[in-house]
Amino acid sequence: MEGGDDDDKGIVCVTGGTGYVASWVIMKLLQHGYKVHTTIRNYPDSKKDISFLTNLPGASKKLKIFNADLDHPHTFAAAIEGCIGVFHLAHPIDFQGKEPEEVKNLRAINGTLKILNSKTVKRVVYTSSASAVAFNDMGLDPVDESAWSDTEFIRSLNPDGASYYISKTLVERAALEFGEKHGLDLVSVIPSYVNGPFIGPHIPGSVSVSLAMIFGDQNQYKLINKVPMVHIDDVASAYIFLLDCPNAKGRYICSSINITIQEISEFLSPKYPEYQIPPTDSLKDVGGFKYPDLSSKKLLDTGFKYKYGLEEMYDGAIQCCKEKGFL
């Protein structure tokens, strides 16, 4: 699986290494012959099991783990030193909601800008979210990279995860403005709902939501009323593609499918008869935000190709959940 010469590709840094997308990016980078530095909060004192990273093929020789925390941005310096590129996936965590939104957002922005200020890095691939383009009343359909979510619109809707959506929008804007002002080669990836297999020990949030009908979790139905989705491997491939693509610039939506909850039901019912998939007519009153269609035209026009569809997303996610004892 490992390709490339040790000295060919150089070292890249992936922040937030235990996350769903970050861990898959690390796996793909190792397969492509990169040396990888990754950051984890409270490492090595954390109680987290990170054997899923340290056991990856090539990890013993090519993966180095650093402790870093966005609350203390200077802690990222050691991990970034000597790297040709940074994949920035870490985002501040406040599980208890103890802090005011403004304080959290300012921390996220300041932490990100300090990381971007590293002088040695050729390119930064920043991780945004579909929530940074979809929440507005512009009426665009499909939505492209020119769209920005309106923070007041998000507050007025007050969906689950509103503070995260606002934060991702504000941090991406700040990162792009900083890059423009300081001549930094910054590319922003805007993934939609990431679905498919996972290598960590826990079910990623986006997979758990995508499998709401498999788990019979009706509380989550409103989150998939109409959603854009993308396969985890396609997202990770897009990150590496954009690191290597000399002409890449600005924002890139990474989303391969737009689908409604009724279409998910129609797809899952015959394929997984062992689960109690609700019939489509029972889903017509499901509320929740309907994402507009997202367009990946810009990414595809640079030469990127998606490899996986809905079938691989659900097959991979369900198989993983079975193997790890969640189903």
C-alpha atoms as a PDB file:
ATOM      1  CA  MET A   1       0.000   0.000   0.000  1.00  0.00           C
ATOM      2  CA  GLU A   2       2.865   2.398   0.677  1.00  0.00           C
ATOM      3  CA  GLY A   3       4.246   4.137  -2.359  1.00  0.00           C
ATOM      4  CA  GLY A   4       6.772   6.811  -3.139  1.00  0.00           C
ATOM      5  CA  ASP A   5      10.274   7.445  -1.975  1.00  0.00           C
ATOM      6  CA  ASP A   6      10.902   8.641   1.581  1.00  0.00           C
ATOM      7  CA  ASP A   7      12.427  11.886   0.379  1.00  0.00           C
ATOM      8  CA  ASP A   8      10.098  12.486  -2.561  1.00  0.00           C
ATOM      9  CA  LYS A   9       6.992  13.767  -0.891  1.00  0.00           C
ATOM     10  CA  GLY A  10       8.247  15.555   2.210  1.00  0.00           C
ATOM     11  CA  ILE A  11       6.479  16.021   5.547  1.00  0.00           C
ATOM     12  CA  VAL A  12       2.932  17.298   5.979  1.00  0.00           C
ATOM     13  CA  CYS A  13       1.037  18.166   9.160  1.00  0.00           C
ATOM     14  CA  VAL A  14      -2.554  17.118   9.904  1.00  0.00           C
ATOM     15  CA  THR A  15      -4.112  18.924  12.872  1.00  0.00           C
ATOM     16  CA  GLY A  16      -6.817  17.238  14.947  1.00  0.00           C
ATOM     17  CA  GLY A  17      -5.554  13.790  14.018  1.00  0.00           C
ATOM     18  CA  THR A  18      -8.118  11.647  15.859  1.00  0.00           C
ATOM     19  CA  GLY A  19     -11.076  13.123  13.949  1.00  0.00           C
ATOM     20  CA  TYR A  20     -13.020  11.200  11.294  1.00  0.00           C
ATOM     21  CA  VAL A  21     -11.704  13.010   8.220  1.00  0.00           C
ATOM     22  CA  ALA A  22      -8.257  13.717   9.696  1.00  0.00           C
ATOM     23  CA  SER A  23      -7.573  10.061  10.525  1.00  0.00           C
ATOM     24  CA  TRP A  24      -8.586   9.000   7.006  1.00  0.00           C
ATOM     25  CA  VAL A  25      -6.394  11.743   5.486  1.00  0.00           C
ATOM     26  CA  ILE A  26      -3.456  10.470   7.563  1.00  0.00           C
ATOM     27  CA  MET A  27      -4.040   6.920   6.323  1.00  0.00           C
ATOM     28  CA  LYS A  28      -4.140   8.103   2.680  1.00  0.00           C
ATOM     29  CA  LEU A  29      -1.050  10.292   3.079  1.00  0.00           C
ATOM     30  CA  LEU A  30       0.926   7.347   4.450  1.00  0.00           C
ATOM     31  CA  GLN A  31      -0.246   5.254   1.484  1.00  0.00           C
ATOM     32  CA  HIS A  32       0.949   8.032  -0.852  1.00  0.00           C
ATOM     33  CA  GLY A  33       4.427   7.980   0.704  1.00  0.00           C
ATOM     34  CA  TYR A  34       4.265  11.162   2.781  1.00  0.00           C
ATOM     35  CA  LYS A  35       5.728  11.517   6.236  1.00  0.00           C
ATOM     36  CA  VAL A  36       3.027  12.837   8.541  1.00  0.00           C
ATOM     37  CA  HIS A  37       3.064  14.951  11.668  1.00  0.00           C
ATOM     38  CA  THR A  38      -0.285  14.995  13.454  1.00  0.00           C
ATOM     39  CA  THR A  39      -1.556  16.856  16.502  1.00  0.00           C
ATOM     40  CA  ILE A  40      -3.735  15.493  19.300  1.00  0.00           C
ATOM     41  CA  ARG A  41      -4.999  17.313  22.374  1.00  0.00           C
ATOM     42  CA  ASN A  42      -3.533  16.174  25.701  1.00  0.00           C
ATOM     43  CA  TYR A  43      -1.184  13.662  24.071  1.00  0.00           C
ATOM     44  CA  PRO A  44       0.280  11.442  25.536  1.00  0.00           C
ATOM     45  CA  ASP A  45      -1.763  11.905  28.764  1.00  0.00           C
ATOM     46  CA  SER A  46      -5.114  11.616  27.021  1.00  0.00           C
ATOM     47  CA  LYS A  47      -7.230   8.571  27.847  1.00  0.00           C
ATOM     48  CA  LYS A  48      -8.056   8.296  24.127  1.00  0.00           C
ATOM     49  CA  ASP A  49      -7.107   5.070  22.412  1.00  0.00           C
ATOM     50  CA  ILE A  50      -5.088   6.150  19.374  1.00  0.00           C
ATOM     51  CA  SER A  51      -3.926   2.686  18.303  1.00  0.00           C
ATOM     52  CA  PHE A  52      -6.086   3.112  15.174  1.00  0.00           C
ATOM     53  CA  LEU A  53      -3.507   5.732  14.092  1.00  0.00           C
ATOM     54  CA  THR A  54      -0.325   4.132  15.370  1.00  0.00           C
ATOM     55  CA  ASN A  55      -1.272   0.775  13.777  1.00  0.00           C
ATOM     56  CA  LEU A  56      -1.811   2.230  10.295  1.00  0.00           C
ATOM     57  CA  PRO A  57       0.452   0.735   7.592  1.00  0.00           C
ATOM     58  CA  GLY A  58       3.651   2.791   7.541  1.00  0.00           C
ATOM     59  CA  ALA A  59       2.847   4.649  10.772  1.00  0.00           C
ATOM     60  CA  SER A  60       5.728   3.223  12.797  1.00  0.00           C
ATOM     61  CA  LYS A  61       8.250   4.877  10.459  1.00  0.00           C
ATOM     62  CA  LYS A  62       6.368   7.779   8.936  1.00  0.00           C
ATOM     63  CA  LEU A  63       3.853   9.071  11.514  1.00  0.00           C
ATOM     64  CA  LYS A  64       4.885  11.353  14.357  1.00  0.00           C
ATOM     65  CA  ILE A  65       2.343  12.493  16.962  1.00  0.00           C
ATOM     66  CA  PHE A  66       2.484  15.850  18.758  1.00  0.00           C
ATOM     67  CA  ASN A  67       0.486  17.376  21.589  1.00  0.00           C
ATOM     68  CA  ALA A  68      -1.225  20.632  20.559  1.00  0.00           C
ATOM     69  CA  ASP A  69      -4.294  22.584  21.613  1.00  0.00           C
ATOM     70  CA  LEU A  70      -6.017  25.448  19.767  1.00  0.00           C
ATOM     71  CA  ASP A  71      -6.430  27.228  23.119  1.00  0.00           C
ATOM     72  CA  HIS A  72      -2.617  27.529  23.032  1.00  0.00           C
ATOM     73  CA  PRO A  73      -1.800  27.998  19.323  1.00  0.00           C
ATOM     74  CA  HIS A  74       1.981  28.151  19.922  1.00  0.00           C
ATOM     75  CA  THR A  75       1.800  24.419  20.753  1.00  0.00           C
ATOM     76  CA  PHE A  76       1.369  23.660  17.017  1.00  0.00           C
ATOM     77  CA  ALA A  77       4.784  25.093  16.092  1.00  0.00           C
ATOM     78  CA  ALA A  78       6.761  21.888  16.694  1.00  0.00           C
ATOM     79  CA  ALA A  79       4.375  19.797  14.579  1.00  0.00           C
ATOM     80  CA  ILE A  80       4.402  22.266  11.678  1.00  0.00           C
ATOM     81  CA  GLU A  81       8.167  22.833  11.643  1.00  0.00           C
ATOM     82  CA  GLY A  82       9.760  21.319   8.535  1.00  0.00           C
ATOM     83  CA  CYS A  83       6.415  20.627   6.848  1.00  0.00           C
ATOM     84  CA  ILE A  84       5.660  21.538   3.237  1.00  0.00           C
ATOM     85  CA  GLY A  85       1.911  21.609   3.818  1.00  0.00           C
ATOM     86  CA  VAL A  86      -0.669  21.700   6.595  1.00  0.00           C
ATOM     87  CA  PHE A  87      -4.126  20.122   6.596  1.00  0.00           C
ATOM     88  CA  HIS A  88      -5.932  22.105   9.276  1.00  0.00           C
ATOM     89  CA  LEU A  89      -8.831  20.032  10.653  1.00  0.00           C
ATOM     90  CA  ALA A  90      -8.709  20.821  14.381  1.00  0.00           C
ATOM     91  CA  HIS A  91     -11.588  22.920  15.733  1.00  0.00           C
ATOM     92  CA  PRO A  92     -12.106  24.098  19.342  1.00  0.00           C
ATOM     93  CA  ILE A  93     -14.337  21.929  21.513  1.00  0.00           C
ATOM     94  CA  ASP A  94     -16.665  23.193  24.232  1.00  0.00           C
ATOM     95  CA  PHE A  95     -18.866  20.256  25.189  1.00  0.00           C
ATOM     96  CA  GLN A  96     -20.469  21.931  28.181  1.00  0.00           C
ATOM     97  CA  GLY A  97     -21.376  25.136  26.329  1.00  0.00           C
ATOM     98  CA  LYS A  98     -19.855  27.051  29.246  1.00  0.00           C
ATOM     99  CA  GLU A  99     -18.475  29.891  27.185  1.00  0.00           C
ATOM    100  CA  PRO A 100     -20.283  32.670  25.351  1.00  0.00           C
ATOM    101  CA  GLU A 101     -20.380  32.190  21.569  1.00  0.00           C
ATOM    102  CA  GLU A 102     -18.206  35.292  20.956  1.00  0.00           C
ATOM    103  CA  VAL A 103     -15.415  33.965  23.185  1.00  0.00           C
ATOM    104  CA  LYS A 104     -15.446  30.567  21.476  1.00  0.00           C
ATOM    105  CA  ASN A 105     -15.436  32.049  17.983  1.00  0.00           C
ATOM    106  CA  LEU A 106     -12.613  34.438  18.804  1.00  0.00           C
ATOM    107  CA  ARG A 107     -10.554  31.532  20.155  1.00  0.00           C
ATOM    108  CA  ALA A 108     -11.218  29.483  17.021  1.00  0.00           C
ATOM    109  CA  ILE A 109     -10.227  32.384  14.768  1.00  0.00           C
ATOM    110  CA  ASN A 110      -7.112  33.332  16.744  1.00  0.00           C
ATOM    111  CA  GLY A 111      -5.966  29.721  16.990  1.00  0.00           C
ATOM    112  CA  THR A 112      -6.390  29.176  13.262  1.00  0.00           C
ATOM    113  CA  LEU A 113      -4.652  32.431  12.271  1.00  0.00           C
ATOM    114  CA  LYS A 114      -1.659  31.634  14.477  1.00  0.00           C
ATOM    115  CA  ILE A 115      -1.316  28.273  12.719  1.00  0.00           C
ATOM    116  CA  LEU A 116      -1.607  29.961   9.317  1.00  0.00           C
ATOM    117  CA  ASN A 117       1.193  32.341  10.284  1.00  0.00           C
ATOM    118  CA  SER A 118       3.796  29.584   9.976  1.00  0.00           C
ATOM    119  CA  LYS A 119       6.404  30.824   7.529  1.00  0.00           C
ATOM    120  CA  THR A 120       7.791  27.564   6.180  1.00  0.00           C
ATOM    121  CA  VAL A 121       4.617  25.994   4.837  1.00  0.00           C
ATOM    122  CA  LYS A 122       3.965  26.132   1.087  1.00  0.00           C
ATOM    123  CA  ARG A 123       0.234  25.501   1.244  1.00  0.00           C
ATOM    124  CA  VAL A 124      -2.462  25.207   3.888  1.00  0.00           C
ATOM    125  CA  VAL A 125      -5.580  23.140   3.171  1.00  0.00           C
ATOM    126  CA  TYR A 126      -8.196  24.477   5.569  1.00  0.00           C
ATOM    127  CA  THR A 127     -11.325  22.533   6.530  1.00  0.00           C
ATOM    128  CA  SER A 128     -14.596  24.398   6.339  1.00  0.00           C
ATOM    129  CA  SER A 129     -18.084  22.871   6.207  1.00  0.00           C
ATOM    130  CA  ALA A 130     -21.195  22.890   4.031  1.00  0.00           C
ATOM    131  CA  SER A 131     -22.727  24.858   6.890  1.00  0.00           C
ATOM    132  CA  ALA A 132     -20.549  27.811   5.794  1.00  0.00           C
ATOM    133  CA  VAL A 133     -22.319  28.065   2.401  1.00  0.00           C
ATOM    134  CA  ALA A 134     -25.851  26.693   2.830  1.00  0.00           C
ATOM    135  CA  PHE A 135     -27.532  28.846   5.483  1.00  0.00           C
ATOM    136  CA  ASN A 136     -28.785  31.998   3.813  1.00  0.00           C
ATOM    137  CA  ASP A 137     -31.899  33.273   2.071  1.00  0.00           C
ATOM    138  CA  MET A 138     -30.212  34.017  -1.254  1.00  0.00           C
ATOM    139  CA  GLY A 139     -32.294  31.310  -2.930  1.00  0.00           C
ATOM    140  CA  LEU A 140     -29.292  29.864  -4.797  1.00  0.00           C
ATOM    141  CA  ASP A 141     -29.811  26.305  -6.000  1.00  0.00           C
ATOM    142  CA  PRO A 142     -27.357  24.794  -6.659  1.00  0.00           C
ATOM    143  CA  VAL A 143     -25.032  26.611  -4.266  1.00  0.00           C
ATOM    144  CA  ASP A 144     -21.450  27.253  -5.342  1.00  0.00           C
ATOM    145  CA  GLU A 145     -18.363  28.709  -3.652  1.00  0.00           C
ATOM    146  CA  SER A 146     -19.581  32.297  -4.041  1.00  0.00           C
ATOM    147  CA  ALA A 147     -22.221  31.672  -1.342  1.00  0.00           C
ATOM    148  CA  TRP A 148     -21.671  32.371   2.341  1.00  0.00           C
ATOM    149  CA  SER A 149     -23.897  31.425   5.243  1.00  0.00           C
ATOM    150  CA  ASP A 150     -25.524  34.365   6.994  1.00  0.00           C
ATOM    151  CA  THR A 151     -24.888  34.139  10.742  1.00  0.00           C
ATOM    152  CA  GLU A 152     -28.091  36.040  11.549  1.00  0.00           C
ATOM    153  CA  PHE A 153     -30.043  33.652   9.320  1.00  0.00           C
ATOM    154  CA  ILE A 154     -28.537  30.702  11.247  1.00  0.00           C
ATOM    155  CA  ARG A 155     -29.528  32.333  14.560  1.00  0.00           C
ATOM    156  CA  SER A 156     -33.076  32.909  13.339  1.00  0.00           C
ATOM    157  CA  LEU A 157     -33.418  29.243  12.278  1.00  0.00           C
ATOM    158  CA  ASN A 158     -31.622  28.055  15.417  1.00  0.00           C
ATOM    159  CA  PRO A 159     -30.954  24.528  14.092  1.00  0.00           C
ATOM    160  CA  ASP A 160     -29.144  21.887  16.149  1.00  0.00           C
ATOM    161  CA  GLY A 161     -25.467  22.785  15.911  1.00  0.00           C
ATOM    162  CA  ALA A 162     -26.114  26.496  15.238  1.00  0.00           C
ATOM    163  CA  SER A 163     -23.066  27.719  17.178  1.00  0.00           C
ATOM    164  CA  TYR A 164     -20.813  25.295  15.267  1.00  0.00           C
ATOM    165  CA  TYR A 165     -22.238  26.470  11.910  1.00  0.00           C
ATOM    166  CA  ILE A 166     -21.658  30.102  12.865  1.00  0.00           C
ATOM    167  CA  SER A 167     -18.144  29.353  14.055  1.00  0.00           C
ATOM    168  CA  LYS A 168     -17.179  27.457  10.866  1.00  0.00           C
ATOM    169  CA  THR A 169     -18.473  30.361   8.740  1.00  0.00           C
ATOM    170  CA  LEU A 170     -16.600  33.043  10.694  1.00  0.00           C
ATOM    171  CA  VAL A 171     -13.334  31.089  10.924  1.00  0.00           C
ATOM    172  CA  GLU A 172     -13.272  30.277   7.200  1.00  0.00           C
ATOM    173  CA  ARG A 173     -13.881  33.934   6.300  1.00  0.00           C
ATOM    174  CA  ALA A 174     -11.089  35.024   8.657  1.00  0.00           C
ATOM    175  CA  ALA A 175      -8.696  32.369   7.303  1.00  0.00           C
ATOM    176  CA  LEU A 176      -9.284  33.343   3.656  1.00  0.00           C
ATOM    177  CA  GLU A 177      -8.945  37.067   4.442  1.00  0.00           C
ATOM    178  CA  PHE A 178      -5.713  36.383   6.340  1.00  0.00           C
ATOM    179  CA  GLY A 179      -4.358  34.301   3.459  1.00  0.00           C
ATOM    180  CA  GLU A 180      -5.199  37.034   0.944  1.00  0.00           C
ATOM    181  CA  LYS A 181      -3.623  39.763   3.071  1.00  0.00           C
ATOM    182  CA  HIS A 182      -0.410  37.869   3.836  1.00  0.00           C
ATOM    183  CA  GLY A 183       0.098  36.151   0.479  1.00  0.00           C
ATOM    184  CA  LEU A 184      -0.428  32.711   2.001  1.00  0.00           C
ATOM    185  CA  ASP A 185      -1.270  29.850  -0.336  1.00  0.00           C
ATOM    186  CA  LEU A 186      -4.490  28.781   1.356  1.00  0.00           C
ATOM    187  CA  VAL A 187      -7.114  26.439  -0.071  1.00  0.00           C
ATOM    188  CA  SER A 188     -10.395  25.853   1.731  1.00  0.00           C
ATOM    189  CA  VAL A 189     -12.291  22.546   1.441  1.00  0.00           C
ATOM    190  CA  ILE A 190     -16.050  22.613   2.077  1.00  0.00           C
ATOM    191  CA  PRO A 191     -17.173  19.008   2.656  1.00  0.00           C
ATOM    192  CA  SER A 192     -20.840  18.094   3.007  1.00  0.00           C
ATOM    193  CA  TYR A 193     -22.117  15.235   5.232  1.00  0.00           C
ATOM    194  CA  VAL A 194     -19.220  12.782   5.237  1.00  0.00           C
ATOM    195  CA  ASN A 195     -20.446   9.180   5.139  1.00  0.00           C
ATOM    196  CA  GLY A 196     -18.819   5.768   4.788  1.00  0.00           C
ATOM    197  CA  PRO A 197     -16.420   3.560   6.753  1.00  0.00           C
ATOM    198  CA  PHE A 198     -14.331   4.916   9.638  1.00  0.00           C
ATOM    199  CA  ILE A 199     -11.104   3.803  11.290  1.00  0.00           C
ATOM    200  CA  GLY A 200     -11.597   5.293  14.760  1.00  0.00           C
ATOM    201  CA  PRO A 201     -13.277   3.453  17.655  1.00  0.00           C
ATOM    202  CA  HIS A 202     -16.363   5.707  17.770  1.00  0.00           C
ATOM    203  CA  ILE A 203     -19.103   6.440  15.232  1.00  0.00           C
ATOM    204  CA  PRO A 204     -18.442   9.864  13.681  1.00  0.00           C
ATOM    205  CA  GLY A 205     -21.330  12.307  14.112  1.00  0.00           C
ATOM    206  CA  SER A 206     -22.010  12.645  10.384  1.00  0.00           C
ATOM    207  CA  VAL A 207     -22.150   8.839   9.973  1.00  0.00           C
ATOM    208  CA  SER A 208     -24.451   8.456  12.962  1.00  0.00           C
ATOM    209  CA  VAL A 209     -26.831  11.046  11.456  1.00  0.00           C
ATOM    210  CA  SER A 210     -26.633   9.481   7.977  1.00  0.00           C
ATOM    211  CA  LEU A 211     -27.554   6.088   9.491  1.00  0.00           C
ATOM    212  CA  ALA A 212     -30.448   7.505  11.558  1.00  0.00           C
ATOM    213  CA  MET A 213     -32.978   5.219   9.831  1.00  0.00           C
ATOM    214  CA  ILE A 214     -30.763   2.150  10.301  1.00  0.00           C
ATOM    215  CA  PHE A 215     -30.501   2.931  14.031  1.00  0.00           C
ATOM    216  CA  GLY A 216     -34.175   3.930  14.236  1.00  0.00           C
ATOM    217  CA  ASP A 217     -33.175   7.286  15.723  1.00  0.00           C
ATOM    218  CA  GLN A 218     -36.150   9.471  14.825  1.00  0.00           C
ATOM    219  CA  ASN A 219     -34.677  12.504  16.621  1.00  0.00           C
ATOM    220  CA  GLN A 220     -32.055  12.718  13.875  1.00  0.00           C
ATOM    221  CA  TYR A 221     -34.472  12.525  10.937  1.00  0.00           C
ATOM    222  CA  LYS A 222     -34.776  16.301  10.765  1.00  0.00           C
ATOM    223  CA  LEU A 223     -31.036  16.532  10.081  1.00  0.00           C
ATOM    224  CA  ILE A 224     -31.345  14.432   6.904  1.00  0.00           C
ATOM    225  CA  ASN A 225     -34.569  15.909   5.525  1.00  0.00           C
ATOM    226  CA  LYS A 226     -32.530  16.969   2.497  1.00  0.00           C
ATOM    227  CA  VAL A 227     -28.752  16.698   2.658  1.00  0.00           C
ATOM    228  CA  PRO A 228     -25.642  16.730   0.505  1.00  0.00           C
ATOM    229  CA  MET A 229     -23.307  13.767   1.098  1.00  0.00           C
ATOM    230  CA  VAL A 230     -19.822  12.648   0.159  1.00  0.00           C
ATOM    231  CA  HIS A 231     -17.818   9.465   0.723  1.00  0.00           C
ATOM    232  CA  ILE A 232     -14.994   9.707   3.283  1.00  0.00           C
ATOM    233  CA  ASP A 233     -12.395   8.390   0.828  1.00  0.00           C
ATOM    234  CA  ASP A 234     -13.386  10.980  -1.796  1.00  0.00           C
ATOM    235  CA  VAL A 235     -13.000  13.790   0.763  1.00  0.00           C
ATOM    236  CA  ALA A 236      -9.546  12.586   1.828  1.00  0.00           C
ATOM    237  CA  SER A 237      -8.501  12.218  -1.819  1.00  0.00           C
ATOM    238  CA  ALA A 238      -9.724  15.766  -2.526  1.00  0.00           C
ATOM    239  CA  TYR A 239      -7.542  17.119   0.316  1.00  0.00           C
ATOM    240  CA  ILE A 240      -4.417  15.482  -1.095  1.00  0.00           C
ATOM    241  CA  PHE A 241      -5.370  16.438  -4.663  1.00  0.00           C
ATOM    242  CA  LEU A 242      -5.712  20.110  -3.617  1.00  0.00           C
ATOM    243  CA  LEU A 243      -2.400  20.050  -1.743  1.00  0.00           C
ATOM    244  CA  ASP A 244      -0.677  18.850  -4.914  1.00  0.00           C
ATOM    245  CA  CYS A 245      -2.661  20.867  -7.482  1.00  0.00           C
ATOM    246  CA  PRO A 246      -0.513  23.900  -8.408  1.00  0.00           C
ATOM    247  CA  ASN A 247      -3.410  26.025  -9.666  1.00  0.00           C
ATOM    248  CA  ALA A 248      -5.783  25.406  -6.751  1.00  0.00           C
ATOM    249  CA  LYS A 249      -7.015  28.651  -5.214  1.00  0.00           C
ATOM    250  CA  GLY A 250      -9.746  29.694  -2.787  1.00  0.00           C
ATOM    251  CA  ARG A 251     -12.756  27.598  -1.787  1.00  0.00           C
ATOM    252  CA  TYR A 252     -13.754  24.128  -3.042  1.00  0.00           C
ATOM    253  CA  ILE A 253     -17.080  22.444  -2.300  1.00  0.00           C
ATOM    254  CA  CYS A 254     -16.579  18.696  -1.936  1.00  0.00           C
ATOM    255  CA  SER A 255     -19.962  16.966  -2.206  1.00  0.00           C
ATOM    256  CA  SER A 256     -21.003  14.235  -4.618  1.00  0.00           C
ATOM    257  CA  ILE A 257     -24.705  13.597  -3.878  1.00  0.00           C
ATOM    258  CA  ASN A 258     -27.775  15.649  -2.951  1.00  0.00           C
ATOM    259  CA  ILE A 259     -30.517  13.478  -1.445  1.00  0.00           C
ATOM    260  CA  THR A 260     -33.807  13.679   0.478  1.00  0.00           C
ATOM    261  CA  ILE A 261     -34.880  11.523   3.418  1.00  0.00           C
ATOM    262  CA  GLN A 262     -37.518   9.891   1.210  1.00  0.00           C
ATOM    263  CA  GLU A 263     -34.852   8.924  -1.337  1.00  0.00           C
ATOM    264  CA  ILE A 264     -32.660   7.515   1.452  1.00  0.00           C
ATOM    265  CA  SER A 265     -35.627   5.406   2.607  1.00  0.00           C
ATOM    266  CA  GLU A 266     -36.270   4.169  -0.955  1.00  0.00           C
ATOM    267  CA  PHE A 267     -32.606   3.258  -1.296  1.00  0.00           C
ATOM    268  CA  LEU A 268     -32.231   1.494   2.078  1.00  0.00           C
ATOM    269  CA  SER A 269     -35.537  -0.443   2.271  1.00  0.00           C
ATOM    270  CA  PRO A 270     -34.854  -3.122  -0.385  1.00  0.00           C
ATOM    271  CA  LYS A 271     -31.109  -3.193   0.289  1.00  0.00           C
ATOM    272  CA  TYR A 272     -31.295  -3.693   4.058  1.00  0.00           C
ATOM    273  CA  PRO A 273     -34.561  -5.551   4.741  1.00  0.00           C
ATOM    274  CA  GLU A 274     -33.255  -6.651   8.158  1.00  0.00           C
ATOM    275  CA  TYR A 275     -33.690  -3.077   9.478  1.00  0.00           C
ATOM    276  CA  GLN A 276     -37.025  -1.356  10.116  1.00  0.00           C
ATOM    277  CA  ILE A 277     -36.654   1.394   7.511  1.00  0.00           C
ATOM    278  CA  PRO A 278     -39.657   3.727   7.723  1.00  0.00           C
ATOM    279  CA  PRO A 279     -41.729   3.903   4.507  1.00  0.00           C
ATOM    280  CA  THR A 280     -41.520   7.117   2.499  1.00  0.00           C
ATOM    281  CA  ASP A 281     -45.098   8.212   3.188  1.00  0.00           C
ATOM    282  CA  SER A 282     -44.378   8.241   6.930  1.00  0.00           C
ATOM    283  CA  LEU A 283     -41.574  10.768   6.353  1.00  0.00           C
ATOM    284  CA  LYS A 284     -43.480  13.540   4.601  1.00  0.00           C
ATOM    285  CA  ASP A 285     -43.958  15.562   7.798  1.00  0.00           C
ATOM    286  CA  VAL A 286     -40.308  15.425   8.895  1.00  0.00           C
ATOM    287  CA  GLY A 287     -39.241  18.984   9.640  1.00  0.00           C
ATOM    288  CA  GLY A 288     -35.755  20.437   9.707  1.00  0.00           C
ATOM    289  CA  PHE A 289     -33.554  22.419   7.381  1.00  0.00           C
ATOM    290  CA  LYS A 290     -33.471  21.380   3.748  1.00  0.00           C
ATOM    291  CA  TYR A 291     -29.997  21.945   2.361  1.00  0.00           C
ATOM    292  CA  PRO A 292     -29.910  23.418  -1.119  1.00  0.00           C
ATOM    293  CA  ASP A 293     -28.092  21.326  -3.735  1.00  0.00           C
ATOM    294  CA  LEU A 294     -24.336  21.895  -3.560  1.00  0.00           C
ATOM    295  CA  SER A 295     -22.265  22.142  -6.724  1.00  0.00           C
ATOM    296  CA  SER A 296     -18.774  20.598  -6.956  1.00  0.00           C
ATOM    297  CA  LYS A 297     -18.213  22.004 -10.445  1.00  0.00           C
ATOM    298  CA  LYS A 298     -15.130  23.998  -9.423  1.00  0.00           C
ATOM    299  CA  LEU A 299     -13.411  20.947  -7.907  1.00  0.00           C
ATOM    300  CA  LEU A 300     -14.335  18.729 -10.870  1.00  0.00           C
ATOM    301  CA  ASP A 301     -13.125  21.377 -13.332  1.00  0.00           C
ATOM    302  CA  THR A 302      -9.639  21.186 -11.776  1.00  0.00           C
ATOM    303  CA  GLY A 303      -9.523  17.495 -12.741  1.00  0.00           C
ATOM    304  CA  PHE A 304     -10.733  15.786  -9.563  1.00  0.00           C
ATOM    305  CA  LYS A 305     -13.046  12.781  -9.915  1.00  0.00           C
ATOM    306  CA  TYR A 306     -15.360  11.216  -7.352  1.00  0.00           C
ATOM    307  CA  LYS A 307     -15.021   7.440  -7.090  1.00  0.00           C
ATOM    308  CA  TYR A 308     -17.824   6.479  -4.721  1.00  0.00           C
ATOM    309  CA  GLY A 309     -21.612   6.723  -4.617  1.00  0.00           C
ATOM    310  CA  LEU A 310     -24.416   6.210  -2.134  1.00  0.00           C
ATOM    311  CA  GLU A 311     -24.068   2.428  -2.154  1.00  0.00           C
ATOM    312  CA  GLU A 312     -20.411   2.484  -1.057  1.00  0.00           C
ATOM    313  CA  MET A 313     -21.179   5.128   1.599  1.00  0.00           C
ATOM    314  CA  TYR A 314     -23.896   3.069   3.284  1.00  0.00           C
ATOM    315  CA  ASP A 315     -22.273  -0.338   2.715  1.00  0.00           C
ATOM    316  CA  GLY A 316     -19.011   0.921   4.221  1.00  0.00           C
ATOM    317  CA  ALA A 317     -20.644   2.667   7.174  1.00  0.00           C
ATOM    318  CA  ILE A 318     -22.954  -0.255   8.044  1.00  0.00           C
ATOM    319  CA  GLN A 319     -20.170  -2.833   7.673  1.00  0.00           C
ATOM    320  CA  CYS A 320     -17.941  -0.751   9.964  1.00  0.00           C
ATOM    321  CA  CYS A 321     -20.701  -0.399  12.567  1.00  0.00           C
ATOM    322  CA  LYS A 322     -21.219  -4.174  12.525  1.00  0.00           C
ATOM    323  CA  GLU A 323     -17.492  -4.889  12.879  1.00  0.00           C
ATOM    324  CA  LYS A 324     -17.159  -2.467  15.797  1.00  0.00           C
ATOM    325  CA  GLY A 325     -20.261  -3.769  17.559  1.00  0.00           C
ATOM    326  CA  PHE A 326     -22.599  -0.817  17.040  1.00  0.00           C
ATOM    327  CA  LEU A 327     -25.102  -2.819  14.977  1.00  0.00           C
END
